[in-house]
N, C-alpha and C. Protein backbone atom coordinates (compact mmCIF):
# COMPACT_ATOMS: atom_id res chain seq x y z
N MET A 1 104.20 83.24 88.58
CA MET A 1 102.91 83.91 88.74
C MET A 1 103.06 85.01 89.80
N ASP A 2 102.55 86.17 89.50
CA ASP A 2 102.58 87.30 90.44
C ASP A 2 101.37 87.20 91.36
N PHE A 3 101.59 86.63 92.54
CA PHE A 3 100.49 86.38 93.46
C PHE A 3 99.89 87.67 94.00
N LYS A 4 100.71 88.69 94.23
CA LYS A 4 100.18 89.94 94.79
C LYS A 4 99.24 90.62 93.80
N ALA A 5 99.56 90.57 92.52
CA ALA A 5 98.67 91.15 91.50
C ALA A 5 97.36 90.35 91.44
N LYS A 6 97.46 89.05 91.58
CA LYS A 6 96.26 88.20 91.56
C LYS A 6 95.35 88.49 92.74
N ILE A 7 95.94 88.66 93.93
CA ILE A 7 95.12 88.92 95.11
C ILE A 7 94.48 90.31 95.01
N ASP A 8 95.17 91.27 94.40
CA ASP A 8 94.58 92.59 94.19
C ASP A 8 93.41 92.51 93.21
N ALA A 9 93.55 91.70 92.17
CA ALA A 9 92.47 91.53 91.20
C ALA A 9 91.26 90.88 91.86
N ILE A 10 91.50 89.90 92.70
CA ILE A 10 90.39 89.25 93.41
C ILE A 10 89.72 90.25 94.34
N TYR A 11 90.52 91.04 95.03
CA TYR A 11 89.97 92.04 95.96
C TYR A 11 89.07 93.04 95.25
N MET A 12 89.48 93.45 94.06
CA MET A 12 88.71 94.45 93.31
C MET A 12 87.47 93.85 92.63
N ASN A 13 87.51 92.61 92.23
CA ASN A 13 86.45 92.03 91.40
C ASN A 13 85.45 91.14 92.14
N ALA A 14 85.75 90.75 93.35
CA ALA A 14 84.89 89.79 94.04
C ALA A 14 84.03 90.50 95.10
N SER A 15 82.82 90.00 95.26
CA SER A 15 81.91 90.53 96.28
C SER A 15 82.29 89.94 97.64
N PRO A 16 81.80 90.53 98.73
CA PRO A 16 82.10 89.97 100.06
C PRO A 16 81.69 88.50 100.20
N GLU A 17 80.55 88.13 99.63
CA GLU A 17 80.10 86.72 99.70
C GLU A 17 81.06 85.82 98.93
N GLN A 18 81.50 86.27 97.77
CA GLN A 18 82.46 85.48 96.99
C GLN A 18 83.78 85.34 97.75
N LYS A 19 84.22 86.41 98.38
CA LYS A 19 85.48 86.37 99.16
C LYS A 19 85.38 85.37 100.31
N ARG A 20 84.23 85.35 100.97
CA ARG A 20 84.06 84.41 102.09
C ARG A 20 84.12 82.97 101.59
N ARG A 21 83.49 82.72 100.46
CA ARG A 21 83.47 81.35 99.94
C ARG A 21 84.82 80.92 99.36
N MET A 22 85.63 81.88 98.95
CA MET A 22 86.94 81.51 98.40
C MET A 22 88.05 81.59 99.46
N HIS A 23 87.66 81.81 100.73
CA HIS A 23 88.63 81.87 101.83
C HIS A 23 89.66 82.96 101.56
N PHE A 24 89.16 84.15 101.21
CA PHE A 24 90.01 85.25 100.76
C PHE A 24 91.04 85.65 101.80
N ASN A 25 90.64 85.78 103.06
CA ASN A 25 91.60 86.20 104.09
C ASN A 25 92.72 85.18 104.26
N SER A 26 92.39 83.92 104.16
CA SER A 26 93.42 82.88 104.23
C SER A 26 94.39 83.02 103.07
N LEU A 27 93.84 83.18 101.88
CA LEU A 27 94.66 83.32 100.68
C LEU A 27 95.55 84.56 100.79
N ARG A 28 94.97 85.67 101.25
CA ARG A 28 95.74 86.91 101.41
C ARG A 28 96.89 86.71 102.41
N ASN A 29 96.62 86.02 103.52
CA ASN A 29 97.66 85.78 104.51
C ASN A 29 98.76 84.87 103.96
N PHE A 30 98.37 83.87 103.18
CA PHE A 30 99.38 82.99 102.57
C PHE A 30 100.29 83.78 101.64
N ILE A 31 99.70 84.64 100.85
CA ILE A 31 100.50 85.41 99.88
C ILE A 31 101.36 86.45 100.60
N GLU A 32 100.82 87.01 101.68
CA GLU A 32 101.59 87.99 102.45
C GLU A 32 102.87 87.39 103.00
N TYR A 33 102.83 86.14 103.44
CA TYR A 33 103.99 85.47 104.02
C TYR A 33 104.69 84.53 103.04
N TYR A 34 104.30 84.57 101.78
CA TYR A 34 104.86 83.66 100.78
C TYR A 34 106.38 83.81 100.65
N ASP A 35 106.89 85.03 100.69
CA ASP A 35 108.33 85.25 100.53
C ASP A 35 109.14 84.65 101.67
N GLN A 36 108.51 84.43 102.82
CA GLN A 36 109.22 83.87 103.96
C GLN A 36 109.30 82.35 103.93
N THR A 37 108.59 81.73 103.01
CA THR A 37 108.65 80.27 102.94
C THR A 37 109.99 79.85 102.36
N LYS A 38 110.62 78.94 103.03
CA LYS A 38 111.92 78.42 102.56
C LYS A 38 111.78 76.96 102.16
N LYS A 39 111.27 76.17 103.09
CA LYS A 39 111.10 74.75 102.82
C LYS A 39 109.77 74.54 102.10
N GLU A 40 109.75 73.58 101.22
CA GLU A 40 108.54 73.20 100.49
C GLU A 40 107.98 74.34 99.63
N LYS A 41 108.83 75.28 99.23
CA LYS A 41 108.35 76.44 98.45
C LYS A 41 107.76 76.00 97.11
N ILE A 42 108.34 75.00 96.49
CA ILE A 42 107.83 74.53 95.20
C ILE A 42 106.42 73.97 95.36
N ARG A 43 106.21 73.16 96.38
CA ARG A 43 104.88 72.57 96.61
C ARG A 43 103.86 73.66 96.97
N ILE A 44 104.26 74.62 97.79
CA ILE A 44 103.36 75.73 98.15
C ILE A 44 103.00 76.53 96.91
N THR A 45 103.98 76.79 96.05
CA THR A 45 103.74 77.54 94.81
C THR A 45 102.76 76.79 93.92
N GLU A 46 102.94 75.49 93.79
CA GLU A 46 102.03 74.68 92.97
C GLU A 46 100.59 74.76 93.50
N LEU A 47 100.45 74.64 94.81
CA LEU A 47 99.11 74.68 95.41
C LEU A 47 98.46 76.05 95.26
N LEU A 48 99.24 77.11 95.46
CA LEU A 48 98.69 78.46 95.28
C LEU A 48 98.27 78.70 93.83
N GLU A 49 99.11 78.28 92.89
CA GLU A 49 98.77 78.44 91.48
C GLU A 49 97.51 77.63 91.13
N GLN A 50 97.43 76.42 91.65
CA GLN A 50 96.27 75.57 91.40
C GLN A 50 95.00 76.23 91.96
N TYR A 51 95.10 76.79 93.14
CA TYR A 51 93.93 77.41 93.78
C TYR A 51 93.50 78.67 93.04
N ILE A 52 94.45 79.52 92.66
CA ILE A 52 94.11 80.75 91.95
C ILE A 52 93.55 80.42 90.57
N THR A 53 94.09 79.42 89.91
CA THR A 53 93.55 79.00 88.61
C THR A 53 92.12 78.51 88.77
N LEU A 54 91.85 77.75 89.82
CA LEU A 54 90.49 77.29 90.10
C LEU A 54 89.54 78.46 90.30
N LEU A 55 89.98 79.46 91.04
CA LEU A 55 89.14 80.64 91.27
C LEU A 55 88.88 81.41 89.98
N GLU A 56 89.91 81.59 89.19
CA GLU A 56 89.74 82.32 87.92
C GLU A 56 88.85 81.56 86.95
N LYS A 57 88.99 80.25 86.94
CA LYS A 57 88.17 79.42 86.06
C LYS A 57 86.69 79.56 86.41
N ASN A 58 86.39 79.69 87.70
CA ASN A 58 85.01 79.84 88.16
C ASN A 58 84.60 81.30 88.29
N ASP A 59 85.41 82.20 87.77
CA ASP A 59 85.12 83.63 87.80
C ASP A 59 84.90 84.12 89.24
N TYR A 60 85.72 83.65 90.16
CA TYR A 60 85.71 84.03 91.58
C TYR A 60 84.40 83.68 92.29
N SER A 61 83.61 82.83 91.71
CA SER A 61 82.33 82.49 92.31
C SER A 61 82.26 80.99 92.55
N LEU A 62 82.25 80.60 93.82
CA LEU A 62 82.18 79.19 94.19
C LEU A 62 80.87 78.92 94.92
N THR A 63 80.30 77.76 94.65
CA THR A 63 79.14 77.33 95.44
C THR A 63 79.64 76.85 96.79
N HIS A 64 78.73 76.57 97.68
CA HIS A 64 79.11 76.09 99.01
C HIS A 64 79.91 74.78 98.90
N GLU A 65 79.44 73.87 98.07
CA GLU A 65 80.12 72.58 97.91
C GLU A 65 81.50 72.76 97.27
N GLU A 66 81.60 73.62 96.26
CA GLU A 66 82.89 73.89 95.62
C GLU A 66 83.85 74.55 96.60
N SER A 67 83.32 75.39 97.46
CA SER A 67 84.14 76.06 98.46
C SER A 67 84.75 75.06 99.43
N ILE A 68 83.95 74.12 99.89
CA ILE A 68 84.45 73.08 100.80
C ILE A 68 85.48 72.21 100.10
N GLU A 69 85.19 71.83 98.87
CA GLU A 69 86.12 71.00 98.10
C GLU A 69 87.44 71.74 97.87
N ALA A 70 87.35 73.01 97.50
CA ALA A 70 88.56 73.81 97.26
C ALA A 70 89.37 73.99 98.53
N TYR A 71 88.67 74.13 99.65
CA TYR A 71 89.36 74.27 100.93
C TYR A 71 90.22 73.05 101.21
N TYR A 72 89.64 71.87 101.09
CA TYR A 72 90.39 70.66 101.40
C TYR A 72 91.41 70.32 100.31
N LEU A 73 91.15 70.73 99.09
CA LEU A 73 92.05 70.46 97.99
C LEU A 73 93.32 71.30 98.07
N CYS A 74 93.19 72.57 98.45
CA CYS A 74 94.35 73.47 98.41
C CYS A 74 94.62 74.19 99.73
N VAL A 75 93.64 74.92 100.23
CA VAL A 75 93.86 75.80 101.38
C VAL A 75 94.35 75.03 102.60
N ASP A 76 93.73 73.92 102.90
CA ASP A 76 94.12 73.13 104.06
C ASP A 76 95.55 72.59 103.91
N LYS A 77 95.91 72.18 102.71
CA LYS A 77 97.27 71.67 102.47
C LYS A 77 98.30 72.78 102.59
N ILE A 78 97.99 73.94 102.03
CA ILE A 78 98.90 75.09 102.15
C ILE A 78 99.02 75.47 103.62
N GLY A 79 97.89 75.50 104.30
CA GLY A 79 97.88 75.85 105.72
C GLY A 79 98.72 74.90 106.55
N TRP A 80 98.75 73.64 106.18
CA TRP A 80 99.57 72.68 106.92
C TRP A 80 101.04 73.07 106.83
N TYR A 81 101.50 73.45 105.64
CA TYR A 81 102.89 73.89 105.48
C TYR A 81 103.15 75.17 106.27
N TYR A 82 102.23 76.09 106.20
CA TYR A 82 102.41 77.36 106.91
C TYR A 82 102.37 77.15 108.42
N ARG A 83 101.53 76.26 108.90
CA ARG A 83 101.51 75.95 110.33
C ARG A 83 102.84 75.36 110.76
N ARG A 84 103.34 74.49 109.96
CA ARG A 84 104.58 73.78 110.32
C ARG A 84 105.80 74.68 110.26
N TYR A 85 105.91 75.52 109.23
CA TYR A 85 107.12 76.29 109.02
C TYR A 85 107.03 77.76 109.42
N LEU A 86 105.84 78.33 109.48
CA LEU A 86 105.71 79.77 109.77
C LEU A 86 104.82 80.08 110.97
N ASN A 87 104.48 79.06 111.75
CA ASN A 87 103.73 79.24 112.98
C ASN A 87 102.35 79.84 112.77
N PHE A 88 101.66 79.42 111.74
CA PHE A 88 100.27 79.83 111.51
C PHE A 88 99.35 79.03 112.43
N THR A 89 98.11 79.47 112.55
CA THR A 89 97.11 78.74 113.30
C THR A 89 95.80 78.74 112.53
N VAL A 90 94.92 77.83 112.88
CA VAL A 90 93.63 77.72 112.21
C VAL A 90 92.66 78.69 112.86
N TYR A 91 91.91 79.41 112.03
CA TYR A 91 90.91 80.34 112.52
C TYR A 91 89.70 79.54 113.02
N LEU A 92 89.28 79.82 114.24
CA LEU A 92 88.11 79.19 114.81
C LEU A 92 87.08 80.26 115.15
N GLY A 93 85.85 80.02 114.82
CA GLY A 93 84.78 80.95 115.16
C GLY A 93 84.45 80.88 116.63
N TYR A 94 83.60 81.80 117.08
CA TYR A 94 83.24 81.88 118.49
C TYR A 94 82.55 80.61 118.98
N PHE A 95 81.74 80.00 118.15
CA PHE A 95 81.04 78.78 118.55
C PHE A 95 82.04 77.67 118.89
N TYR A 96 83.05 77.51 118.06
CA TYR A 96 84.04 76.46 118.31
C TYR A 96 84.87 76.76 119.55
N ILE A 97 85.19 78.02 119.79
CA ILE A 97 85.91 78.37 121.00
C ILE A 97 85.07 78.04 122.23
N PHE A 98 83.77 78.33 122.16
CA PHE A 98 82.88 77.99 123.27
C PHE A 98 82.86 76.48 123.50
N VAL A 99 82.69 75.71 122.42
CA VAL A 99 82.58 74.25 122.53
C VAL A 99 83.90 73.62 122.96
N LEU A 100 85.02 74.10 122.46
CA LEU A 100 86.30 73.47 122.75
C LEU A 100 86.96 73.94 124.04
N PHE A 101 86.64 75.15 124.50
CA PHE A 101 87.35 75.68 125.65
C PHE A 101 86.44 75.99 126.85
N ILE A 102 85.42 76.76 126.63
CA ILE A 102 84.62 77.24 127.75
C ILE A 102 83.70 76.15 128.30
N LEU A 103 83.00 75.44 127.44
CA LEU A 103 82.09 74.38 127.89
C LEU A 103 82.82 73.28 128.68
N PRO A 104 83.97 72.75 128.21
CA PRO A 104 84.66 71.73 129.02
C PRO A 104 85.08 72.26 130.40
N ASN A 105 85.51 73.51 130.44
CA ASN A 105 85.89 74.09 131.73
C ASN A 105 84.69 74.11 132.68
N PHE A 106 83.56 74.53 132.18
CA PHE A 106 82.34 74.57 132.99
C PHE A 106 81.95 73.16 133.44
N LEU A 107 82.01 72.18 132.54
CA LEU A 107 81.64 70.81 132.89
C LEU A 107 82.59 70.21 133.92
N ILE A 108 83.86 70.50 133.82
CA ILE A 108 84.81 69.99 134.81
C ILE A 108 84.53 70.61 136.18
N TRP A 109 84.22 71.89 136.19
CA TRP A 109 83.93 72.54 137.46
C TRP A 109 82.65 71.96 138.08
N ILE A 110 81.62 71.74 137.27
CA ILE A 110 80.36 71.17 137.78
C ILE A 110 80.59 69.74 138.28
N THR A 111 81.35 68.95 137.53
CA THR A 111 81.55 67.54 137.86
C THR A 111 82.42 67.36 139.10
N PHE A 112 83.54 68.05 139.13
CA PHE A 112 84.51 67.80 140.21
C PHE A 112 84.50 68.86 141.31
N HIS A 113 83.81 69.95 141.10
CA HIS A 113 83.78 71.06 142.05
C HIS A 113 85.19 71.46 142.48
N SER A 114 86.06 71.46 141.51
CA SER A 114 87.46 71.76 141.80
C SER A 114 87.81 73.14 141.26
N ILE A 115 88.02 74.05 142.16
CA ILE A 115 88.38 75.41 141.75
C ILE A 115 89.80 75.41 141.18
N ILE A 116 90.68 74.58 141.70
CA ILE A 116 92.06 74.55 141.21
C ILE A 116 92.10 74.10 139.75
N THR A 117 91.43 73.01 139.44
CA THR A 117 91.40 72.52 138.06
C THR A 117 90.74 73.52 137.14
N SER A 118 89.64 74.07 137.59
CA SER A 118 88.92 75.05 136.79
C SER A 118 89.77 76.31 136.55
N THR A 119 90.49 76.74 137.56
CA THR A 119 91.36 77.91 137.43
C THR A 119 92.50 77.64 136.46
N ILE A 120 93.09 76.46 136.56
CA ILE A 120 94.17 76.10 135.63
C ILE A 120 93.65 76.11 134.19
N LEU A 121 92.49 75.52 133.97
CA LEU A 121 91.91 75.52 132.63
C LEU A 121 91.57 76.94 132.17
N ALA A 122 91.07 77.77 133.06
CA ALA A 122 90.76 79.16 132.70
C ALA A 122 92.01 79.91 132.29
N VAL A 123 93.11 79.71 133.01
CA VAL A 123 94.39 80.36 132.65
C VAL A 123 94.86 79.87 131.29
N LEU A 124 94.75 78.57 131.03
CA LEU A 124 95.15 78.04 129.73
C LEU A 124 94.29 78.60 128.60
N ILE A 125 92.99 78.77 128.87
CA ILE A 125 92.09 79.35 127.87
C ILE A 125 92.50 80.79 127.57
N ILE A 126 92.82 81.54 128.61
CA ILE A 126 93.23 82.94 128.43
C ILE A 126 94.54 83.01 127.65
N LEU A 127 95.50 82.17 127.98
CA LEU A 127 96.78 82.16 127.24
C LEU A 127 96.57 81.78 125.78
N ASN A 128 95.72 80.79 125.54
CA ASN A 128 95.42 80.40 124.16
C ASN A 128 94.74 81.53 123.41
N SER A 129 93.84 82.23 124.07
CA SER A 129 93.14 83.35 123.43
C SER A 129 94.10 84.49 123.10
N ILE A 130 95.02 84.78 124.00
CA ILE A 130 96.02 85.82 123.74
C ILE A 130 96.88 85.43 122.55
N SER A 131 97.30 84.18 122.50
CA SER A 131 98.10 83.70 121.37
C SER A 131 97.34 83.82 120.06
N ARG A 132 96.07 83.46 120.08
CA ARG A 132 95.24 83.55 118.87
C ARG A 132 95.04 85.00 118.44
N CYS A 133 94.85 85.90 119.40
CA CYS A 133 94.70 87.32 119.06
C CYS A 133 95.97 87.86 118.43
N TYR A 134 97.11 87.48 119.00
CA TYR A 134 98.39 87.91 118.45
C TYR A 134 98.55 87.43 117.01
N LYS A 135 98.23 86.17 116.75
CA LYS A 135 98.36 85.63 115.40
C LYS A 135 97.33 86.24 114.45
N TYR A 136 96.16 86.60 114.98
CA TYR A 136 95.13 87.25 114.16
C TYR A 136 95.64 88.60 113.68
N TYR A 137 96.22 89.37 114.58
CA TYR A 137 96.70 90.69 114.20
C TYR A 137 97.98 90.64 113.36
N LYS A 138 98.72 89.56 113.44
CA LYS A 138 99.90 89.37 112.60
C LYS A 138 99.54 88.73 111.26
N HIS A 139 98.25 88.46 111.03
CA HIS A 139 97.76 87.81 109.82
C HIS A 139 98.40 86.44 109.63
N LYS A 140 98.47 85.67 110.70
CA LYS A 140 99.03 84.32 110.64
C LYS A 140 97.93 83.31 110.92
N MET A 141 96.81 83.46 110.22
CA MET A 141 95.68 82.54 110.39
C MET A 141 95.15 82.14 109.03
N TYR A 142 94.52 80.99 109.01
CA TYR A 142 93.81 80.51 107.84
C TYR A 142 92.66 79.66 108.34
N GLY A 143 91.70 79.42 107.49
CA GLY A 143 90.60 78.56 107.89
C GLY A 143 89.45 78.58 106.91
N ALA A 144 88.54 77.69 107.12
CA ALA A 144 87.36 77.58 106.25
C ALA A 144 86.47 78.80 106.48
N GLY A 145 86.10 79.45 105.41
CA GLY A 145 85.24 80.62 105.50
C GLY A 145 85.93 81.87 106.00
N TYR A 146 87.23 81.82 106.16
CA TYR A 146 87.97 82.98 106.67
C TYR A 146 88.63 83.72 105.53
């Protein structure tokens, strides 16, 4: 299957809402780095073919429930291989970054009044953010709704 031709067809025929529900950016990133996959290439190929067939069968239009199901059925599994072998990361929205990184730092500072601990956490947050930005610009991300 020619994945690049398929992704071009999806790009031309799908609306922005359809692309968001089909995790278009994740799919595009997977196909962009597909040639670099060495291990588990057969399994990755099967999952990509299964996902593209699912999209074509539904005429690139997924409901919210179908989108979630398709994500866990294919995209998450493909992403696991790409995370393991090609150093991909999961795309997190701003809300999740706030909840997972900034809020705990604030709570630790309020609870312990420790500038040292809070500073260490702030540095780790900044390093994580730089790493995520680097992977975002290298198109090494995938995620639900991405």
